[in-house]
Amino acid sequence: MAILLPIQFYSLAAGVGKSFYENLSGGANASVTVNNFGPAPVSLVITRVNAPVVTYVIPANSSLSITASLVLVFALLANQGGDASGTIEVALA
């Protein structure tokens, strides 16, 4: 059974990052959708159990959906090119 967490709105200044999902007790299988409505790219940073940190850059006016296993943290980082804003939604399996 999947659990859909509430949609979260973000507004990050250039160079600022924020965690939007954390499960530090062993990780969980999860999916995330990030919509970037801002004028600059935003980076989705995924930390998983016993795996390297992975970063995906989401261009302005674009979106990304991804599924990963044993997720510890989903975080967003506004690139130095400017402010980022949009939505992020997490679903747990």
PDB file of N, CA and C in Angstrom:
ATOM      1  N   MET A   1       0.842  -1.175   0.000  1.00  0.00           N
ATOM      2  CA  MET A   1       0.000   0.000   0.000  1.00  0.00           C
ATOM      3  C   MET A   1       0.886   1.236   0.000  1.00  0.00           C
ATOM      4  N   ALA A   2       0.594   2.169  -0.873  1.00  0.00           N
ATOM      5  CA  ALA A   2       1.374   3.396  -0.967  1.00  0.00           C
ATOM      6  C   ALA A   2       0.769   4.485  -0.089  1.00  0.00           C
ATOM      7  N   ILE A   3       1.638   5.321   0.423  1.00  0.00           N
ATOM      8  CA  ILE A   3       1.214   6.469   1.226  1.00  0.00           C
ATOM      9  C   ILE A   3       1.669   7.718   0.494  1.00  0.00           C
ATOM     10  N   LEU A   4       0.729   8.564   0.113  1.00  0.00           N
ATOM     11  CA  LEU A   4       1.029   9.803  -0.578  1.00  0.00           C
ATOM     12  C   LEU A   4       1.095  10.930   0.444  1.00  0.00           C
ATOM     13  N   LEU A   5       2.275  11.522   0.608  1.00  0.00           N
ATOM     14  CA  LEU A   5       2.435  12.623   1.554  1.00  0.00           C
ATOM     15  C   LEU A   5       1.880  13.905   0.936  1.00  0.00           C
ATOM     16  N   PRO A   6       1.486  14.871   1.747  1.00  0.00           N
ATOM     17  CA  PRO A   6       0.937  16.121   1.208  1.00  0.00           C
ATOM     18  C   PRO A   6       1.937  16.831   0.306  1.00  0.00           C
ATOM     19  N   ILE A   7       1.411  17.471  -0.722  1.00  0.00           N
ATOM     20  CA  ILE A   7       2.253  18.256  -1.624  1.00  0.00           C
ATOM     21  C   ILE A   7       2.863  19.413  -0.839  1.00  0.00           C
ATOM     22  N   GLN A   8       4.125  19.702  -1.114  1.00  0.00           N
ATOM     23  CA  GLN A   8       4.817  20.794  -0.426  1.00  0.00           C
ATOM     24  C   GLN A   8       5.269  21.824  -1.463  1.00  0.00           C
ATOM     25  N   PHE A   9       5.086  23.084  -1.131  1.00  0.00           N
ATOM     26  CA  PHE A   9       5.549  24.165  -1.993  1.00  0.00           C
ATOM     27  C   PHE A   9       6.916  24.622  -1.491  1.00  0.00           C
ATOM     28  N   TYR A  10       7.816  24.927  -2.404  1.00  0.00           N
ATOM     29  CA  TYR A  10       9.131  25.420  -2.002  1.00  0.00           C
ATOM     30  C   TYR A  10       9.458  26.724  -2.719  1.00  0.00           C
ATOM     31  N   SER A  11      10.221  27.545  -2.050  1.00  0.00           N
ATOM     32  CA  SER A  11      10.757  28.784  -2.592  1.00  0.00           C
ATOM     33  C   SER A  11      12.131  28.958  -1.966  1.00  0.00           C
ATOM     34  N   LEU A  12      13.159  28.707  -2.755  1.00  0.00           N
ATOM     35  CA  LEU A  12      14.528  28.712  -2.254  1.00  0.00           C
ATOM     36  C   LEU A  12      15.341  29.802  -2.932  1.00  0.00           C
ATOM     37  N   ALA A  13      16.066  30.563  -2.133  1.00  0.00           N
ATOM     38  CA  ALA A  13      16.972  31.565  -2.684  1.00  0.00           C
ATOM     39  C   ALA A  13      18.172  30.862  -3.317  1.00  0.00           C
ATOM     40  N   ALA A  14      18.864  31.533  -4.203  1.00  0.00           N
ATOM     41  CA  ALA A  14      20.030  30.957  -4.882  1.00  0.00           C
ATOM     42  C   ALA A  14      21.035  30.437  -3.866  1.00  0.00           C
ATOM     43  N   GLY A  15      21.488  29.202  -4.051  1.00  0.00           N
ATOM     44  CA  GLY A  15      22.484  28.606  -3.173  1.00  0.00           C
ATOM     45  C   GLY A  15      21.947  28.006  -1.892  1.00  0.00           C
ATOM     46  N   VAL A  16      20.633  28.023  -1.697  1.00  0.00           N
ATOM     47  CA  VAL A  16      20.025  27.513  -0.461  1.00  0.00           C
ATOM     48  C   VAL A  16      19.433  26.121  -0.716  1.00  0.00           C
ATOM     49  N   GLY A  17      19.593  25.228   0.255  1.00  0.00           N
ATOM     50  CA  GLY A  17      19.041  23.888   0.158  1.00  0.00           C
ATOM     51  C   GLY A  17      18.111  23.596   1.323  1.00  0.00           C
ATOM     52  N   LYS A  18      17.220  22.612   1.129  1.00  0.00           N
ATOM     53  CA  LYS A  18      16.288  22.237   2.193  1.00  0.00           C
ATOM     54  C   LYS A  18      15.872  20.786   1.996  1.00  0.00           C
ATOM     55  N   SER A  19      15.788  20.055   3.103  1.00  0.00           N
ATOM     56  CA  SER A  19      15.322  18.678   3.088  1.00  0.00           C
ATOM     57  C   SER A  19      13.793  18.669   3.133  1.00  0.00           C
ATOM     58  N   PHE A  20      13.185  17.834   2.278  1.00  0.00           N
ATOM     59  CA  PHE A  20      11.724  17.752   2.240  1.00  0.00           C
ATOM     60  C   PHE A  20      11.190  16.395   2.674  1.00  0.00           C
ATOM     61  N   TYR A  21      12.070  15.404   2.791  1.00  0.00           N
ATOM     62  CA  TYR A  21      11.667  14.091   3.305  1.00  0.00           C
ATOM     63  C   TYR A  21      12.886  13.466   3.970  1.00  0.00           C
ATOM     64  N   GLU A  22      12.697  12.917   5.162  1.00  0.00           N
ATOM     65  CA  GLU A  22      13.774  12.229   5.875  1.00  0.00           C
ATOM     66  C   GLU A  22      13.215  10.971   6.532  1.00  0.00           C
ATOM     67  N   ASN A  23      13.953   9.873   6.378  1.00  0.00           N
ATOM     68  CA  ASN A  23      13.660   8.628   7.081  1.00  0.00           C
ATOM     69  C   ASN A  23      15.010   8.072   7.501  1.00  0.00           C
ATOM     70  N   LEU A  24      15.477   8.457   8.654  1.00  0.00           N
ATOM     71  CA  LEU A  24      16.816   8.089   9.096  1.00  0.00           C
ATOM     72  C   LEU A  24      16.836   6.784   9.873  1.00  0.00           C
ATOM     73  N   SER A  25      15.728   6.049   9.854  1.00  0.00           N
ATOM     74  CA  SER A  25      15.669   4.777  10.583  1.00  0.00           C
ATOM     75  C   SER A  25      15.726   3.585   9.640  1.00  0.00           C
ATOM     76  N   GLY A  26      16.491   3.672   8.586  1.00  0.00           N
ATOM     77  CA  GLY A  26      16.665   2.526   7.703  1.00  0.00           C
ATOM     78  C   GLY A  26      16.230   2.732   6.275  1.00  0.00           C
ATOM     79  N   GLY A  27      15.608   3.847   5.967  1.00  0.00           N
ATOM     80  CA  GLY A  27      15.200   4.137   4.599  1.00  0.00           C
ATOM     81  C   GLY A  27      13.876   3.503   4.228  1.00  0.00           C
ATOM     82  N   ALA A  28      13.311   3.971   3.136  1.00  0.00           N
ATOM     83  CA  ALA A  28      12.027   3.473   2.638  1.00  0.00           C
ATOM     84  C   ALA A  28      12.028   3.546   1.123  1.00  0.00           C
ATOM     85  N   ASN A  29      11.268   2.660   0.488  1.00  0.00           N
ATOM     86  CA  ASN A  29      11.070   2.751  -0.947  1.00  0.00           C
ATOM     87  C   ASN A  29      10.134   3.924  -1.200  1.00  0.00           C
ATOM     88  N   ALA A  30      10.529   4.817  -2.106  1.00  0.00           N
ATOM     89  CA  ALA A  30       9.755   6.044  -2.284  1.00  0.00           C
ATOM     90  C   ALA A  30       9.867   6.571  -3.705  1.00  0.00           C
ATOM     91  N   SER A  31       8.874   7.363  -4.068  1.00  0.00           N
ATOM     92  CA  SER A  31       8.866   8.089  -5.338  1.00  0.00           C
ATOM     93  C   SER A  31       8.745   9.570  -5.026  1.00  0.00           C
ATOM     94  N   VAL A  32       9.326  10.389  -5.890  1.00  0.00           N
ATOM     95  CA  VAL A  32       9.246  11.829  -5.698  1.00  0.00           C
ATOM     96  C   VAL A  32       8.973  12.489  -7.051  1.00  0.00           C
ATOM     97  N   THR A  33       8.149  13.523  -7.024  1.00  0.00           N
ATOM     98  CA  THR A  33       7.896  14.354  -8.198  1.00  0.00           C
ATOM     99  C   THR A  33       8.213  15.791  -7.832  1.00  0.00           C
ATOM    100  N   VAL A  34       9.088  16.404  -8.622  1.00  0.00           N
ATOM    101  CA  VAL A  34       9.470  17.800  -8.399  1.00  0.00           C
ATOM    102  C   VAL A  34       9.056  18.604  -9.624  1.00  0.00           C
ATOM    103  N   ASN A  35       8.297  19.668  -9.390  1.00  0.00           N
ATOM    104  CA  ASN A  35       7.927  20.618 -10.434  1.00  0.00           C
ATOM    105  C   ASN A  35       8.690  21.898 -10.168  1.00  0.00           C
ATOM    106  N   ASN A  36       9.434  22.371 -11.141  1.00  0.00           N
ATOM    107  CA  ASN A  36      10.203  23.600 -11.001  1.00  0.00           C
ATOM    108  C   ASN A  36       9.548  24.694 -11.832  1.00  0.00           C
ATOM    109  N   PHE A  37       8.883  25.627 -11.157  1.00  0.00           N
ATOM    110  CA  PHE A  37       8.204  26.731 -11.835  1.00  0.00           C
ATOM    111  C   PHE A  37       9.071  27.978 -11.900  1.00  0.00           C
ATOM    112  N   GLY A  38      10.199  27.979 -11.217  1.00  0.00           N
ATOM    113  CA  GLY A  38      11.053  29.154 -11.109  1.00  0.00           C
ATOM    114  C   GLY A  38      11.865  29.427 -12.361  1.00  0.00           C
ATOM    115  N   PRO A  39      12.598  30.550 -12.351  1.00  0.00           N
ATOM    116  CA  PRO A  39      13.384  30.957 -13.514  1.00  0.00           C
ATOM    117  C   PRO A  39      14.760  30.298 -13.598  1.00  0.00           C
ATOM    118  N   ALA A  40      15.149  29.507 -12.588  1.00  0.00           N
ATOM    119  CA  ALA A  40      16.483  28.896 -12.555  1.00  0.00           C
ATOM    120  C   ALA A  40      16.352  27.407 -12.238  1.00  0.00           C
ATOM    121  N   PRO A  41      17.374  26.615 -12.577  1.00  0.00           N
ATOM    122  CA  PRO A  41      17.339  25.180 -12.260  1.00  0.00           C
ATOM    123  C   PRO A  41      17.368  24.923 -10.760  1.00  0.00           C
ATOM    124  N   VAL A  42      16.864  23.755 -10.376  1.00  0.00           N
ATOM    125  CA  VAL A  42      16.919  23.300  -8.992  1.00  0.00           C
ATOM    126  C   VAL A  42      17.460  21.869  -9.023  1.00  0.00           C
ATOM    127  N   SER A  43      18.218  21.489  -8.002  1.00  0.00           N
ATOM    128  CA  SER A  43      18.788  20.147  -7.932  1.00  0.00           C
ATOM    129  C   SER A  43      18.039  19.307  -6.901  1.00  0.00           C
ATOM    130  N   LEU A  44      17.673  18.099  -7.308  1.00  0.00           N
ATOM    131  CA  LEU A  44      17.093  17.112  -6.397  1.00  0.00           C
ATOM    132  C   LEU A  44      18.239  16.233  -5.918  1.00  0.00           C
ATOM    133  N   VAL A  45      18.451  16.193  -4.604  1.00  0.00           N
ATOM    134  CA  VAL A  45      19.530  15.411  -4.005  1.00  0.00           C
ATOM    135  C   VAL A  45      18.905  14.226  -3.275  1.00  0.00           C
ATOM    136  N   ILE A  46      19.335  13.013  -3.645  1.00  0.00           N
ATOM    137  CA  ILE A  46      18.784  11.797  -3.054  1.00  0.00           C
ATOM    138  C   ILE A  46      19.894  11.066  -2.305  1.00  0.00           C
ATOM    139  N   THR A  47      19.652  10.814  -1.014  1.00  0.00           N
ATOM    140  CA  THR A  47      20.570  10.041  -0.187  1.00  0.00           C
ATOM    141  C   THR A  47      19.891   8.712   0.127  1.00  0.00           C
ATOM    142  N   ARG A  48      20.615   7.599  -0.151  1.00  0.00           N
ATOM    143  CA  ARG A  48      20.064   6.261   0.061  1.00  0.00           C
ATOM    144  C   ARG A  48      20.975   5.457   0.969  1.00  0.00           C
ATOM    145  N   VAL A  49      20.450   4.361   1.504  1.00  0.00           N
ATOM    146  CA  VAL A  49      21.216   3.472   2.364  1.00  0.00           C
ATOM    147  C   VAL A  49      22.311   2.789   1.538  1.00  0.00           C
ATOM    148  N   ASN A  50      23.560   2.862   2.021  1.00  0.00           N
ATOM    149  CA  ASN A  50      24.696   2.190   1.391  1.00  0.00           C
ATOM    150  C   ASN A  50      24.816   2.471  -0.099  1.00  0.00           C
ATOM    151  N   ALA A  51      24.569   3.708  -0.507  1.00  0.00           N
ATOM    152  CA  ALA A  51      24.661   4.090  -1.912  1.00  0.00           C
ATOM    153  C   ALA A  51      25.204   5.516  -1.991  1.00  0.00           C
ATOM    154  N   PRO A  52      25.853   5.856  -3.097  1.00  0.00           N
ATOM    155  CA  PRO A  52      26.343   7.230  -3.231  1.00  0.00           C
ATOM    156  C   PRO A  52      25.171   8.219  -3.340  1.00  0.00           C
ATOM    157  N   VAL A  53      25.429   9.438  -2.946  1.00  0.00           N
ATOM    158  CA  VAL A  53      24.441  10.504  -3.085  1.00  0.00           C
ATOM    159  C   VAL A  53      24.293  10.815  -4.571  1.00  0.00           C
ATOM    160  N   VAL A  54      23.042  10.935  -5.022  1.00  0.00           N
ATOM    161  CA  VAL A  54      22.759  11.197  -6.432  1.00  0.00           C
ATOM    162  C   VAL A  54      22.061  12.546  -6.540  1.00  0.00           C
ATOM    163  N   THR A  55      22.454  13.327  -7.549  1.00  0.00           N
ATOM    164  CA  THR A  55      21.858  14.647  -7.760  1.00  0.00           C
ATOM    165  C   THR A  55      21.329  14.740  -9.194  1.00  0.00           C
ATOM    166  N   TYR A  56      20.094  15.198  -9.319  1.00  0.00           N
ATOM    167  CA  TYR A  56      19.484  15.435 -10.625  1.00  0.00           C
ATOM    168  C   TYR A  56      19.174  16.917 -10.747  1.00  0.00           C
ATOM    169  N   VAL A  57      19.556  17.538 -11.851  1.00  0.00           N
ATOM    170  CA  VAL A  57      19.261  18.950 -12.087  1.00  0.00           C
ATOM    171  C   VAL A  57      17.968  19.037 -12.895  1.00  0.00           C
ATOM    172  N   ILE A  58      17.025  19.822 -12.375  1.00  0.00           N
ATOM    173  CA  ILE A  58      15.732  20.005 -13.025  1.00  0.00           C
ATOM    174  C   ILE A  58      15.701  21.420 -13.592  1.00  0.00           C
ATOM    175  N   PRO A  59      15.695  21.558 -14.914  1.00  0.00           N
ATOM    176  CA  PRO A  59      15.706  22.889 -15.528  1.00  0.00           C
ATOM    177  C   PRO A  59      14.457  23.705 -15.180  1.00  0.00           C
ATOM    178  N   ALA A  60      14.532  25.006 -15.423  1.00  0.00           N
ATOM    179  CA  ALA A  60      13.394  25.898 -15.194  1.00  0.00           C
ATOM    180  C   ALA A  60      12.199  25.428 -16.015  1.00  0.00           C
ATOM    181  N   ASN A  61      11.007  25.583 -15.452  1.00  0.00           N
ATOM    182  CA  ASN A  61       9.747  25.212 -16.112  1.00  0.00           C
ATOM    183  C   ASN A  61       9.742  23.766 -16.584  1.00  0.00           C
ATOM    184  N   SER A  62      10.198  22.878 -15.712  1.00  0.00           N
ATOM    185  CA  SER A  62      10.274  21.466 -16.038  1.00  0.00           C
ATOM    186  C   SER A  62       9.928  20.656 -14.798  1.00  0.00           C
ATOM    187  N   SER A  63       9.860  19.326 -14.953  1.00  0.00           N
ATOM    188  CA  SER A  63       9.565  18.475 -13.810  1.00  0.00           C
ATOM    189  C   SER A  63      10.329  17.163 -13.932  1.00  0.00           C
ATOM    190  N   LEU A  64      10.404  16.431 -12.819  1.00  0.00           N
ATOM    191  CA  LEU A  64      11.073  15.139 -12.780  1.00  0.00           C
ATOM    192  C   LEU A  64      10.344  14.254 -11.784  1.00  0.00           C
ATOM    193  N   SER A  65      10.094  13.006 -12.182  1.00  0.00           N
ATOM    194  CA  SER A  65       9.550  11.989 -11.277  1.00  0.00           C
ATOM    195  C   SER A  65      10.529  10.828 -11.263  1.00  0.00           C
ATOM    196  N   ILE A  66      10.819  10.321 -10.067  1.00  0.00           N
ATOM    197  CA  ILE A  66      11.786   9.242  -9.937  1.00  0.00           C
ATOM    198  C   ILE A  66      11.405   8.364  -8.752  1.00  0.00           C
ATOM    199  N   THR A  67      11.723   7.084  -8.860  1.00  0.00           N
ATOM    200  CA  THR A  67      11.494   6.120  -7.788  1.00  0.00           C
ATOM    201  C   THR A  67      12.834   5.560  -7.350  1.00  0.00           C
ATOM    202  N   ALA A  68      13.016   5.394  -6.044  1.00  0.00           N
ATOM    203  CA  ALA A  68      14.269   4.863  -5.510  1.00  0.00           C
ATOM    204  C   ALA A  68      13.971   3.981  -4.303  1.00  0.00           C
ATOM    205  N   SER A  69      14.871   3.045  -4.048  1.00  0.00           N
ATOM    206  CA  SER A  69      14.705   2.163  -2.889  1.00  0.00           C
ATOM    207  C   SER A  69      15.588   2.626  -1.741  1.00  0.00           C
ATOM    208  N   LEU A  70      15.155   2.327  -0.526  1.00  0.00           N
ATOM    209  CA  LEU A  70      15.896   2.635   0.697  1.00  0.00           C
ATOM    210  C   LEU A  70      16.332   4.094   0.775  1.00  0.00           C
ATOM    211  N   VAL A  71      15.395   4.995   0.537  1.00  0.00           N
ATOM    212  CA  VAL A  71      15.669   6.443   0.558  1.00  0.00           C
ATOM    213  C   VAL A  71      15.766   6.924   2.003  1.00  0.00           C
ATOM    214  N   LEU A  72      16.825   7.659   2.286  1.00  0.00           N
ATOM    215  CA  LEU A  72      16.982   8.311   3.580  1.00  0.00           C
ATOM    216  C   LEU A  72      16.508   9.763   3.517  1.00  0.00           C
ATOM    217  N   VAL A  73      16.913  10.481   2.453  1.00  0.00           N
ATOM    218  CA  VAL A  73      16.615  11.913   2.354  1.00  0.00           C
ATOM    219  C   VAL A  73      16.332  12.301   0.906  1.00  0.00           C
ATOM    220  N   PHE A  74      15.272  13.106   0.705  1.00  0.00           N
ATOM    221  CA  PHE A  74      15.034  13.855  -0.526  1.00  0.00           C
ATOM    222  C   PHE A  74      15.229  15.320  -0.164  1.00  0.00           C
ATOM    223  N   ALA A  75      16.122  16.004  -0.859  1.00  0.00           N
ATOM    224  CA  ALA A  75      16.365  17.418  -0.581  1.00  0.00           C
ATOM    225  C   ALA A  75      16.441  18.181  -1.902  1.00  0.00           C
ATOM    226  N   LEU A  76      16.181  19.478  -1.830  1.00  0.00           N
ATOM    227  CA  LEU A  76      16.303  20.355  -2.992  1.00  0.00           C
ATOM    228  C   LEU A  76      17.361  21.401  -2.720  1.00  0.00           C
ATOM    229  N   LEU A  77      18.090  21.763  -3.773  1.00  0.00           N
ATOM    230  CA  LEU A  77      19.138  22.774  -3.684  1.00  0.00           C
ATOM    231  C   LEU A  77      18.983  23.725  -4.856  1.00  0.00           C
ATOM    232  N   ALA A  78      18.763  25.004  -4.554  1.00  0.00           N
ATOM    233  CA  ALA A  78      18.671  26.019  -5.607  1.00  0.00           C
ATOM    234  C   ALA A  78      20.086  26.320  -6.107  1.00  0.00           C
ATOM    235  N   ASN A  79      20.269  26.241  -7.397  1.00  0.00           N
ATOM    236  CA  ASN A  79      21.583  26.499  -7.976  1.00  0.00           C
ATOM    237  C   ASN A  79      21.935  27.983  -7.867  1.00  0.00           C
ATOM    238  N   GLN A  80      23.194  28.304  -8.073  1.00  0.00           N
ATOM    239  CA  GLN A  80      23.658  29.688  -7.945  1.00  0.00           C
ATOM    240  C   GLN A  80      23.069  30.609  -9.020  1.00  0.00           C
ATOM    241  N   GLY A  81      22.413  30.038 -10.031  1.00  0.00           N
ATOM    242  CA  GLY A  81      21.861  30.838 -11.121  1.00  0.00           C
ATOM    243  C   GLY A  81      20.652  31.668 -10.743  1.00  0.00           C
ATOM    244  N   GLY A  82      20.030  31.409  -9.622  1.00  0.00           N
ATOM    245  CA  GLY A  82      18.869  32.194  -9.226  1.00  0.00           C
ATOM    246  C   GLY A  82      17.947  31.427  -8.295  1.00  0.00           C
ATOM    247  N   ASP A  83      16.862  32.086  -7.931  1.00  0.00           N
ATOM    248  CA  ASP A  83      15.882  31.508  -7.017  1.00  0.00           C
ATOM    249  C   ASP A  83      15.111  30.380  -7.700  1.00  0.00           C
ATOM    250  N   ALA A  84      14.655  29.425  -6.890  1.00  0.00           N
ATOM    251  CA  ALA A  84      13.873  28.306  -7.405  1.00  0.00           C
ATOM    252  C   ALA A  84      12.565  28.218  -6.631  1.00  0.00           C
ATOM    253  N   SER A  85      11.496  27.888  -7.335  1.00  0.00           N
ATOM    254  CA  SER A  85      10.209  27.708  -6.674  1.00  0.00           C
ATOM    255  C   SER A  85       9.408  26.662  -7.425  1.00  0.00           C
ATOM    256  N   GLY A  86       8.509  26.017  -6.696  1.00  0.00           N
ATOM    257  CA  GLY A  86       7.693  24.984  -7.301  1.00  0.00           C
ATOM    258  C   GLY A  86       7.069  24.100  -6.252  1.00  0.00           C
ATOM    259  N   THR A  87       6.856  22.814  -6.607  1.00  0.00           N
ATOM    260  CA  THR A  87       6.250  21.854  -5.693  1.00  0.00           C
ATOM    261  C   THR A  87       7.077  20.574  -5.670  1.00  0.00           C
ATOM    262  N   ILE A  88       6.949  19.853  -4.556  1.00  0.00           N
ATOM    263  CA  ILE A  88       7.560  18.533  -4.406  1.00  0.00           C
ATOM    264  C   ILE A  88       6.536  17.641  -3.718  1.00  0.00           C
ATOM    265  N   GLU A  89       6.412  16.403  -4.230  1.00  0.00           N
ATOM    266  CA  GLU A  89       5.463  15.466  -3.659  1.00  0.00           C
ATOM    267  C   GLU A  89       6.131  14.103  -3.532  1.00  0.00           C
ATOM    268  N   VAL A  90       5.991  13.477  -2.376  1.00  0.00           N
ATOM    269  CA  VAL A  90       6.639  12.203  -2.068  1.00  0.00           C
ATOM    270  C   VAL A  90       5.578  11.145  -1.816  1.00  0.00           C
ATOM    271  N   ALA A  91       5.801   9.960  -2.389  1.00  0.00           N
ATOM    272  CA  ALA A  91       4.930   8.800  -2.143  1.00  0.00           C
ATOM    273  C   ALA A  91       5.811   7.674  -1.618  1.00  0.00           C
ATOM    274  N   LEU A  92       5.355   7.009  -0.555  1.00  0.00           N
ATOM    275  CA  LEU A  92       6.093   5.913   0.052  1.00  0.00           C
ATOM    276  C   LEU A  92       5.435   4.592  -0.300  1.00  0.00           C
ATOM    277  N   ALA A  93       6.272   3.573  -0.542  1.00  0.00           N
ATOM    278  CA  ALA A  93       5.732   2.245  -0.879  1.00  0.00           C
ATOM    279  C   ALA A  93       5.748   1.373   0.346  1.00  0.00           C
TER     280      ALA A  93
END
